[in-house]
Amino acid sequence: MAQDFEHLFKDQLAKLTGRLQEFAREAVKDELTKLHQELSDLRARVAVLEKERAEAAAESLQDSF
């Protein structure tokens, strides 16, 4: 009887552990997706800022002539 209970307990614990790991993997995937999107947005913003800076530098050079 004790062995049956112990076996049942171990099975349930294994199932719960598996589900918890699955939830954790999905949460990490979601966070990575968000981080990749944020990184992409930041790269786009940096590209715009670099373009604006280059244009300002070009205008500054033109004004000096």
PDB file of N, CA and C in Angstrom:
ATOM      1  N   MET A   1       0.822  -1.192   0.000  1.00  0.00           N
ATOM      2  CA  MET A   1       0.000   0.000   0.000  1.00  0.00           C
ATOM      3  C   MET A   1       0.867   1.257   0.000  1.00  0.00           C
ATOM      4  N   ALA A   2       1.881   1.281   0.864  1.00  0.00           N
ATOM      5  CA  ALA A   2       2.769   2.442   0.931  1.00  0.00           C
ATOM      6  C   ALA A   2       3.515   2.615  -0.383  1.00  0.00           C
ATOM      7  N   GLN A   3       3.874   1.487  -0.997  1.00  0.00           N
ATOM      8  CA  GLN A   3       4.592   1.569  -2.275  1.00  0.00           C
ATOM      9  C   GLN A   3       3.679   2.134  -3.364  1.00  0.00           C
ATOM     10  N   ASP A   4       2.399   1.741  -3.345  1.00  0.00           N
ATOM     11  CA  ASP A   4       1.448   2.272  -4.323  1.00  0.00           C
ATOM     12  C   ASP A   4       1.309   3.781  -4.172  1.00  0.00           C
ATOM     13  N   PHE A   5       1.189   4.221  -2.933  1.00  0.00           N
ATOM     14  CA  PHE A   5       1.073   5.653  -2.676  1.00  0.00           C
ATOM     15  C   PHE A   5       2.330   6.383  -3.135  1.00  0.00           C
ATOM     16  N   GLU A   6       3.486   5.818  -2.816  1.00  0.00           N
ATOM     17  CA  GLU A   6       4.754   6.436  -3.204  1.00  0.00           C
ATOM     18  C   GLU A   6       4.880   6.492  -4.726  1.00  0.00           C
ATOM     19  N   HIS A   7       4.479   5.432  -5.394  1.00  0.00           N
ATOM     20  CA  HIS A   7       4.530   5.395  -6.852  1.00  0.00           C
ATOM     21  C   HIS A   7       3.576   6.438  -7.448  1.00  0.00           C
ATOM     22  N   LEU A   8       2.374   6.509  -6.918  1.00  0.00           N
ATOM     23  CA  LEU A   8       1.395   7.490  -7.384  1.00  0.00           C
ATOM     24  C   LEU A   8       1.928   8.905  -7.150  1.00  0.00           C
ATOM     25  N   PHE A   9       2.506   9.141  -5.987  1.00  0.00           N
ATOM     26  CA  PHE A   9       3.064  10.448  -5.667  1.00  0.00           C
ATOM     27  C   PHE A   9       4.173  10.825  -6.646  1.00  0.00           C
ATOM     28  N   LYS A  10       5.068   9.890  -6.919  1.00  0.00           N
ATOM     29  CA  LYS A  10       6.162  10.157  -7.850  1.00  0.00           C
ATOM     30  C   LYS A  10       5.640  10.445  -9.256  1.00  0.00           C
ATOM     31  N   ASP A  11       4.624   9.696  -9.680  1.00  0.00           N
ATOM     32  CA  ASP A  11       4.028   9.934 -10.998  1.00  0.00           C
ATOM     33  C   ASP A  11       3.417  11.330 -11.080  1.00  0.00           C
ATOM     34  N   GLN A  12       2.674  11.709 -10.050  1.00  0.00           N
ATOM     35  CA  GLN A  12       2.046  13.031 -10.034  1.00  0.00           C
ATOM     36  C   GLN A  12       3.105  14.128  -9.993  1.00  0.00           C
ATOM     37  N   LEU A  13       4.134  13.911  -9.212  1.00  0.00           N
ATOM     38  CA  LEU A  13       5.212  14.886  -9.130  1.00  0.00           C
ATOM     39  C   LEU A  13       5.908  15.041 -10.481  1.00  0.00           C
ATOM     40  N   ALA A  14       6.117  13.935 -11.167  1.00  0.00           N
ATOM     41  CA  ALA A  14       6.743  13.979 -12.494  1.00  0.00           C
ATOM     42  C   ALA A  14       5.856  14.737 -13.473  1.00  0.00           C
ATOM     43  N   LYS A  15       4.550  14.505 -13.428  1.00  0.00           N
ATOM     44  CA  LYS A  15       3.625  15.226 -14.313  1.00  0.00           C
ATOM     45  C   LYS A  15       3.643  16.723 -14.026  1.00  0.00           C
ATOM     46  N   LEU A  16       3.587  17.080 -12.745  1.00  0.00           N
ATOM     47  CA  LEU A  16       3.600  18.495 -12.373  1.00  0.00           C
ATOM     48  C   LEU A  16       4.912  19.159 -12.768  1.00  0.00           C
ATOM     49  N   THR A  17       6.007  18.451 -12.571  1.00  0.00           N
ATOM     50  CA  THR A  17       7.311  18.986 -12.947  1.00  0.00           C
ATOM     51  C   THR A  17       7.375  19.213 -14.455  1.00  0.00           C
ATOM     52  N   GLY A  18       6.861  18.263 -15.210  1.00  0.00           N
ATOM     53  CA  GLY A  18       6.831  18.404 -16.666  1.00  0.00           C
ATOM     54  C   GLY A  18       5.998  19.596 -17.104  1.00  0.00           C
ATOM     55  N   ARG A  19       4.849  19.773 -16.495  1.00  0.00           N
ATOM     56  CA  ARG A  19       3.986  20.907 -16.844  1.00  0.00           C
ATOM     57  C   ARG A  19       4.639  22.226 -16.471  1.00  0.00           C
ATOM     58  N   LEU A  20       5.270  22.249 -15.309  1.00  0.00           N
ATOM     59  CA  LEU A  20       5.955  23.459 -14.878  1.00  0.00           C
ATOM     60  C   LEU A  20       7.087  23.821 -15.845  1.00  0.00           C
ATOM     61  N   GLN A  21       7.833  22.814 -16.263  1.00  0.00           N
ATOM     62  CA  GLN A  21       8.915  23.063 -17.230  1.00  0.00           C
ATOM     63  C   GLN A  21       8.352  23.566 -18.555  1.00  0.00           C
ATOM     64  N   GLU A  22       7.225  23.021 -18.981  1.00  0.00           N
ATOM     65  CA  GLU A  22       6.589  23.461 -20.222  1.00  0.00           C
ATOM     66  C   GLU A  22       6.148  24.925 -20.106  1.00  0.00           C
ATOM     67  N   PHE A  23       5.530  25.281 -18.975  1.00  0.00           N
ATOM     68  CA  PHE A  23       5.128  26.671 -18.758  1.00  0.00           C
ATOM     69  C   PHE A  23       6.337  27.591 -18.758  1.00  0.00           C
ATOM     70  N   ALA A  24       7.396  27.168 -18.117  1.00  0.00           N
ATOM     71  CA  ALA A  24       8.614  27.980 -18.051  1.00  0.00           C
ATOM     72  C   ALA A  24       9.211  28.171 -19.445  1.00  0.00           C
ATOM     73  N   ARG A  25       9.238  27.106 -20.241  1.00  0.00           N
ATOM     74  CA  ARG A  25       9.768  27.220 -21.608  1.00  0.00           C
ATOM     75  C   ARG A  25       8.943  28.200 -22.430  1.00  0.00           C
ATOM     76  N   GLU A  26       7.625  28.125 -22.317  1.00  0.00           N
ATOM     77  CA  GLU A  26       6.756  29.039 -23.065  1.00  0.00           C
ATOM     78  C   GLU A  26       6.961  30.481 -22.609  1.00  0.00           C
ATOM     79  N   ALA A  27       7.113  30.676 -21.310  1.00  0.00           N
ATOM     80  CA  ALA A  27       7.344  32.022 -20.790  1.00  0.00           C
ATOM     81  C   ALA A  27       8.663  32.585 -21.305  1.00  0.00           C
ATOM     82  N   VAL A  28       9.693  31.755 -21.321  1.00  0.00           N
ATOM     83  CA  VAL A  28      10.995  32.198 -21.827  1.00  0.00           C
ATOM     84  C   VAL A  28      10.897  32.514 -23.320  1.00  0.00           C
ATOM     85  N   LYS A  29      10.191  31.675 -24.074  1.00  0.00           N
ATOM     86  CA  LYS A  29       9.999  31.945 -25.509  1.00  0.00           C
ATOM     87  C   LYS A  29       9.306  33.279 -25.718  1.00  0.00           C
ATOM     88  N   ASP A  30       8.252  33.527 -24.942  1.00  0.00           N
ATOM     89  CA  ASP A  30       7.521  34.793 -25.069  1.00  0.00           C
ATOM     90  C   ASP A  30       8.429  35.981 -24.765  1.00  0.00           C
ATOM     91  N   GLU A  31       9.210  35.865 -23.702  1.00  0.00           N
ATOM     92  CA  GLU A  31      10.109  36.949 -23.338  1.00  0.00           C
ATOM     93  C   GLU A  31      11.179  37.164 -24.397  1.00  0.00           C
ATOM     94  N   LEU A  32      11.714  36.089 -24.945  1.00  0.00           N
ATOM     95  CA  LEU A  32      12.720  36.224 -26.001  1.00  0.00           C
ATOM     96  C   LEU A  32      12.129  36.896 -27.238  1.00  0.00           C
ATOM     97  N   THR A  33      10.896  36.539 -27.557  1.00  0.00           N
ATOM     98  CA  THR A  33      10.227  37.174 -28.695  1.00  0.00           C
ATOM     99  C   THR A  33      10.082  38.672 -28.460  1.00  0.00           C
ATOM    100  N   LYS A  34       9.665  39.043 -27.253  1.00  0.00           N
ATOM    101  CA  LYS A  34       9.532  40.467 -26.916  1.00  0.00           C
ATOM    102  C   LYS A  34      10.879  41.165 -26.985  1.00  0.00           C
ATOM    103  N   LEU A  35      11.916  40.526 -26.456  1.00  0.00           N
ATOM    104  CA  LEU A  35      13.247  41.130 -26.476  1.00  0.00           C
ATOM    105  C   LEU A  35      13.768  41.311 -27.895  1.00  0.00           C
ATOM    106  N   HIS A  36      13.518  40.316 -28.742  1.00  0.00           N
ATOM    107  CA  HIS A  36      13.943  40.435 -30.141  1.00  0.00           C
ATOM    108  C   HIS A  36      13.226  41.594 -30.826  1.00  0.00           C
ATOM    109  N   GLN A  37      11.943  41.757 -30.536  1.00  0.00           N
ATOM    110  CA  GLN A  37      11.182  42.867 -31.129  1.00  0.00           C
ATOM    111  C   GLN A  37      11.709  44.203 -30.623  1.00  0.00           C
ATOM    112  N   GLU A  38      11.974  44.293 -29.326  1.00  0.00           N
ATOM    113  CA  GLU A  38      12.514  45.530 -28.765  1.00  0.00           C
ATOM    114  C   GLU A  38      13.880  45.846 -29.367  1.00  0.00           C
ATOM    115  N   LEU A  39      14.706  44.823 -29.532  1.00  0.00           N
ATOM    116  CA  LEU A  39      16.021  45.018 -30.126  1.00  0.00           C
ATOM    117  C   LEU A  39      15.896  45.506 -31.565  1.00  0.00           C
ATOM    118  N   SER A  40      14.980  44.937 -32.290  1.00  0.00           N
ATOM    119  CA  SER A  40      14.739  45.367 -33.671  1.00  0.00           C
ATOM    120  C   SER A  40      14.286  46.821 -33.709  1.00  0.00           C
ATOM    121  N   ASP A  41      13.383  47.186 -32.804  1.00  0.00           N
ATOM    122  CA  ASP A  41      12.913  48.577 -32.733  1.00  0.00           C
ATOM    123  C   ASP A  41      14.055  49.531 -32.396  1.00  0.00           C
ATOM    124  N   LEU A  42      14.894  49.131 -31.448  1.00  0.00           N
ATOM    125  CA  LEU A  42      16.030  49.970 -31.075  1.00  0.00           C
ATOM    126  C   LEU A  42      17.018  50.137 -32.235  1.00  0.00           C
ATOM    127  N   ARG A  43      17.258  49.065 -32.954  1.00  0.00           N
ATOM    128  CA  ARG A  43      18.163  49.161 -34.113  1.00  0.00           C
ATOM    129  C   ARG A  43      17.598  50.117 -35.155  1.00  0.00           C
ATOM    130  N   ALA A  44      16.295  50.058 -35.373  1.00  0.00           N
ATOM    131  CA  ALA A  44      15.664  50.960 -36.337  1.00  0.00           C
ATOM    132  C   ALA A  44      15.783  52.411 -35.867  1.00  0.00           C
ATOM    133  N   ARG A  45      15.583  52.629 -34.572  1.00  0.00           N
ATOM    134  CA  ARG A  45      15.706  53.992 -34.039  1.00  0.00           C
ATOM    135  C   ARG A  45      17.131  54.507 -34.169  1.00  0.00           C
ATOM    136  N   VAL A  46      18.111  53.643 -33.887  1.00  0.00           N
ATOM    137  CA  VAL A  46      19.518  54.040 -34.016  1.00  0.00           C
ATOM    138  C   VAL A  46      19.832  54.386 -35.466  1.00  0.00           C
ATOM    139  N   ALA A  47      19.315  53.610 -36.400  1.00  0.00           N
ATOM    140  CA  ALA A  47      19.553  53.886 -37.815  1.00  0.00           C
ATOM    141  C   ALA A  47      18.987  55.252 -38.199  1.00  0.00           C
ATOM    142  N   VAL A  48      17.800  55.572 -37.694  1.00  0.00           N
ATOM    143  CA  VAL A  48      17.196  56.883 -37.982  1.00  0.00           C
ATOM    144  C   VAL A  48      18.050  57.994 -37.384  1.00  0.00           C
ATOM    145  N   LEU A  49      18.480  57.805 -36.141  1.00  0.00           N
ATOM    146  CA  LEU A  49      19.313  58.827 -35.496  1.00  0.00           C
ATOM    147  C   LEU A  49      20.639  59.017 -36.230  1.00  0.00           C
ATOM    148  N   GLU A  50      21.242  57.924 -36.671  1.00  0.00           N
ATOM    149  CA  GLU A  50      22.503  58.034 -37.417  1.00  0.00           C
ATOM    150  C   GLU A  50      22.292  58.764 -38.735  1.00  0.00           C
ATOM    151  N   LYS A  51      21.182  58.496 -39.382  1.00  0.00           N
ATOM    152  CA  LYS A  51      20.876  59.174 -40.648  1.00  0.00           C
ATOM    153  C   LYS A  51      20.681  60.668 -40.403  1.00  0.00           C
ATOM    154  N   GLU A  52      19.929  60.998 -39.355  1.00  0.00           N
ATOM    155  CA  GLU A  52      19.705  62.406 -39.039  1.00  0.00           C
ATOM    156  C   GLU A  52      21.011  63.104 -38.689  1.00  0.00           C
ATOM    157  N   ARG A  53      21.876  62.415 -37.946  1.00  0.00           N
ATOM    158  CA  ARG A  53      23.167  63.007 -37.583  1.00  0.00           C
ATOM    159  C   ARG A  53      24.024  63.233 -38.830  1.00  0.00           C
ATOM    160  N   ALA A  54      24.023  62.273 -39.743  1.00  0.00           N
ATOM    161  CA  ALA A  54      24.799  62.415 -40.978  1.00  0.00           C
ATOM    162  C   ALA A  54      24.258  63.568 -41.818  1.00  0.00           C
ATOM    163  N   GLU A  55      22.936  63.691 -41.873  1.00  0.00           N
ATOM    164  CA  GLU A  55      22.336  64.799 -42.631  1.00  0.00           C
ATOM    165  C   GLU A  55      22.683  66.145 -41.999  1.00  0.00           C
ATOM    166  N   ALA A  56      22.657  66.209 -40.675  1.00  0.00           N
ATOM    167  CA  ALA A  56      23.013  67.448 -39.977  1.00  0.00           C
ATOM    168  C   ALA A  56      24.467  67.798 -40.224  1.00  0.00           C
ATOM    169  N   ALA A  57      25.331  66.794 -40.214  1.00  0.00           N
ATOM    170  CA  ALA A  57      26.761  67.033 -40.485  1.00  0.00           C
ATOM    171  C   ALA A  57      26.960  67.519 -41.911  1.00  0.00           C
ATOM    172  N   ALA A  58      26.240  66.929 -42.854  1.00  0.00           N
ATOM    173  CA  ALA A  58      26.333  67.339 -44.248  1.00  0.00           C
ATOM    174  C   ALA A  58      25.856  68.782 -44.415  1.00  0.00           C
ATOM    175  N   GLU A  59      24.765  69.135 -43.759  1.00  0.00           N
ATOM    176  CA  GLU A  59      24.251  70.506 -43.830  1.00  0.00           C
ATOM    177  C   GLU A  59      25.248  71.486 -43.221  1.00  0.00           C
ATOM    178  N   SER A  60      25.869  71.077 -42.123  1.00  0.00           N
ATOM    179  CA  SER A  60      26.853  71.915 -41.458  1.00  0.00           C
ATOM    180  C   SER A  60      28.045  72.170 -42.383  1.00  0.00           C
ATOM    181  N   LEU A  61      28.469  71.141 -43.090  1.00  0.00           N
ATOM    182  CA  LEU A  61      29.582  71.304 -44.051  1.00  0.00           C
ATOM    183  C   LEU A  61      29.184  72.198 -45.199  1.00  0.00           C
ATOM    184  N   GLN A  62      27.967  72.048 -45.686  1.00  0.00           N
ATOM    185  CA  GLN A  62      27.502  72.883 -46.798  1.00  0.00           C
ATOM    186  C   GLN A  62      27.424  74.356 -46.366  1.00  0.00           C
ATOM    187  N   ASP A  63      26.980  74.584 -45.152  1.00  0.00           N
ATOM    188  CA  ASP A  63      26.867  75.960 -44.662  1.00  0.00           C
ATOM    189  C   ASP A  63      28.224  76.605 -44.496  1.00  0.00           C
ATOM    190  N   SER A  64      29.257  75.802 -44.276  1.00  0.00           N
ATOM    191  CA  SER A  64      30.592  76.384 -44.064  1.00  0.00           C
ATOM    192  C   SER A  64      31.255  76.770 -45.370  1.00  0.00           C
ATOM    193  N   PHE A  65      30.695  76.397 -46.506  1.00  0.00           N
ATOM    194  CA  PHE A  65      31.302  76.747 -47.792  1.00  0.00           C
ATOM    195  C   PHE A  65      30.728  77.985 -48.330  1.00  0.00           C
TER     196      PHE A  65
END
